[in-house]
Amino acid sequence: MSSLKEELLQTIETAPEGAIEQTLIYLKTLLQNQPSLRPGSGRSLLRHAGKWQGDDFEDCLQSVYHTRSEAQF
């Protein structure tokens, strides 16, 4: 079990009934409003592939090259 779940369960053990009830209602609300997470197919991006609009492609590309930096993890 993850430490976050363990901490939640330990806190529930000592919480008053009213707080547990409010927490449960809040959690159910969060879960209902949670969008389903599924990996995208990329299909929406492919609709726009090769369809650059405008005459600033080279300027935008150079801007990306000049402003990018190494990823920091």
C-alpha atoms as a PDB file:
ATOM      1  CA  MET A   1       0.000   0.000   0.000  1.00  0.00           C
ATOM      2  CA  SER A   2       1.321   3.459  -0.813  1.00  0.00           C
ATOM      3  CA  SER A   3       2.400   5.698   2.017  1.00  0.00           C
ATOM      4  CA  LEU A   4      -0.241   8.232   1.006  1.00  0.00           C
ATOM      5  CA  LYS A   5      -3.020   5.669   1.424  1.00  0.00           C
ATOM      6  CA  GLU A   6      -1.530   4.530   4.718  1.00  0.00           C
ATOM      7  CA  GLU A   7      -1.436   8.109   5.975  1.00  0.00           C
ATOM      8  CA  LEU A   8      -5.036   8.649   4.881  1.00  0.00           C
ATOM      9  CA  LEU A   9      -6.208   5.492   6.636  1.00  0.00           C
ATOM     10  CA  GLN A  10      -4.327   6.419   9.835  1.00  0.00           C
ATOM     11  CA  THR A  11      -5.903   9.864   9.806  1.00  0.00           C
ATOM     12  CA  ILE A  12      -9.372   8.386   9.268  1.00  0.00           C
ATOM     13  CA  GLU A  13      -8.863   6.173  12.328  1.00  0.00           C
ATOM     14  CA  THR A  14      -8.614   9.232  14.592  1.00  0.00           C
ATOM     15  CA  ALA A  15     -11.010  11.580  12.778  1.00  0.00           C
ATOM     16  CA  PRO A  16     -14.476  12.335  14.136  1.00  0.00           C
ATOM     17  CA  GLU A  17     -17.438  10.786  12.288  1.00  0.00           C
ATOM     18  CA  GLY A  18     -18.583  14.165  10.882  1.00  0.00           C
ATOM     19  CA  ALA A  19     -15.200  14.839   9.317  1.00  0.00           C
ATOM     20  CA  ILE A  20     -15.120  11.359   7.790  1.00  0.00           C
ATOM     21  CA  GLU A  21     -18.589  11.892   6.309  1.00  0.00           C
ATOM     22  CA  GLN A  22     -17.625  15.247   4.778  1.00  0.00           C
ATOM     23  CA  THR A  23     -14.406  13.759   3.427  1.00  0.00           C
ATOM     24  CA  LEU A  24     -16.282  10.873   1.823  1.00  0.00           C
ATOM     25  CA  ILE A  25     -18.740  13.242   0.139  1.00  0.00           C
ATOM     26  CA  TYR A  26     -15.863  15.382  -1.124  1.00  0.00           C
ATOM     27  CA  LEU A  27     -13.951  12.358  -2.437  1.00  0.00           C
ATOM     28  CA  LYS A  28     -17.016  11.020  -4.264  1.00  0.00           C
ATOM     29  CA  THR A  29     -17.530  14.448  -5.859  1.00  0.00           C
ATOM     30  CA  LEU A  30     -13.906  14.535  -6.990  1.00  0.00           C
ATOM     31  CA  LEU A  31     -14.183  11.080  -8.512  1.00  0.00           C
ATOM     32  CA  GLN A  32     -17.409  11.903 -10.363  1.00  0.00           C
ATOM     33  CA  ASN A  33     -15.866  14.991 -11.947  1.00  0.00           C
ATOM     34  CA  GLN A  34     -12.634  13.198 -12.845  1.00  0.00           C
ATOM     35  CA  PRO A  35     -12.220  12.942 -16.610  1.00  0.00           C
ATOM     36  CA  SER A  36     -11.402   9.490 -17.841  1.00  0.00           C
ATOM     37  CA  LEU A  37      -7.703   9.260 -18.508  1.00  0.00           C
ATOM     38  CA  ARG A  38      -6.911   7.290 -21.596  1.00  0.00           C
ATOM     39  CA  PRO A  39      -3.954   7.695 -23.881  1.00  0.00           C
ATOM     40  CA  GLY A  40      -4.639   9.776 -26.939  1.00  0.00           C
ATOM     41  CA  SER A  41      -4.416   8.253 -30.365  1.00  0.00           C
ATOM     42  CA  GLY A  42      -2.770  11.290 -31.924  1.00  0.00           C
ATOM     43  CA  ARG A  43      -5.548  11.366 -34.492  1.00  0.00           C
ATOM     44  CA  SER A  44      -6.486  14.949 -33.628  1.00  0.00           C
ATOM     45  CA  LEU A  45      -2.906  16.071 -34.243  1.00  0.00           C
ATOM     46  CA  LEU A  46      -2.701  14.246 -37.555  1.00  0.00           C
ATOM     47  CA  ARG A  47      -5.654  16.240 -38.870  1.00  0.00           C
ATOM     48  CA  HIS A  48      -3.398  19.306 -38.767  1.00  0.00           C
ATOM     49  CA  ALA A  49      -0.170  17.702 -39.986  1.00  0.00           C
ATOM     50  CA  GLY A  50       1.362  19.532 -42.912  1.00  0.00           C
ATOM     51  CA  LYS A  51      -1.120  22.393 -42.694  1.00  0.00           C
ATOM     52  CA  TRP A  52       0.999  25.264 -41.399  1.00  0.00           C
ATOM     53  CA  GLN A  53      -0.864  28.523 -41.831  1.00  0.00           C
ATOM     54  CA  GLY A  54       1.104  31.709 -42.262  1.00  0.00           C
ATOM     55  CA  ASP A  55       4.543  32.741 -43.386  1.00  0.00           C
ATOM     56  CA  ASP A  56       6.346  32.680 -40.031  1.00  0.00           C
ATOM     57  CA  PHE A  57       7.264  28.997 -39.829  1.00  0.00           C
ATOM     58  CA  GLU A  58      11.031  29.594 -40.055  1.00  0.00           C
ATOM     59  CA  ASP A  59      10.841  32.399 -37.470  1.00  0.00           C
ATOM     60  CA  CYS A  60       8.899  30.163 -35.067  1.00  0.00           C
ATOM     61  CA  LEU A  61      11.279  27.267 -35.613  1.00  0.00           C
ATOM     62  CA  GLN A  62      14.306  29.469 -34.937  1.00  0.00           C
ATOM     63  CA  SER A  63      12.603  30.832 -31.821  1.00  0.00           C
ATOM     64  CA  VAL A  64      12.182  27.278 -30.536  1.00  0.00           C
ATOM     65  CA  TYR A  65      15.831  26.481 -31.223  1.00  0.00           C
ATOM     66  CA  HIS A  66      17.026  29.650 -29.476  1.00  0.00           C
ATOM     67  CA  THR A  67      14.843  29.357 -26.368  1.00  0.00           C
ATOM     68  CA  ARG A  68      14.902  25.649 -25.595  1.00  0.00           C
ATOM     69  CA  SER A  69      17.044  24.317 -22.788  1.00  0.00           C
ATOM     70  CA  GLU A  70      17.985  20.977 -21.307  1.00  0.00           C
ATOM     71  CA  ALA A  71      15.258  19.231 -19.372  1.00  0.00           C
ATOM     72  CA  GLN A  72      15.813  19.169 -15.634  1.00  0.00           C
ATOM     73  CA  PHE A  73      14.439  16.225 -13.720  1.00  0.00           C
END
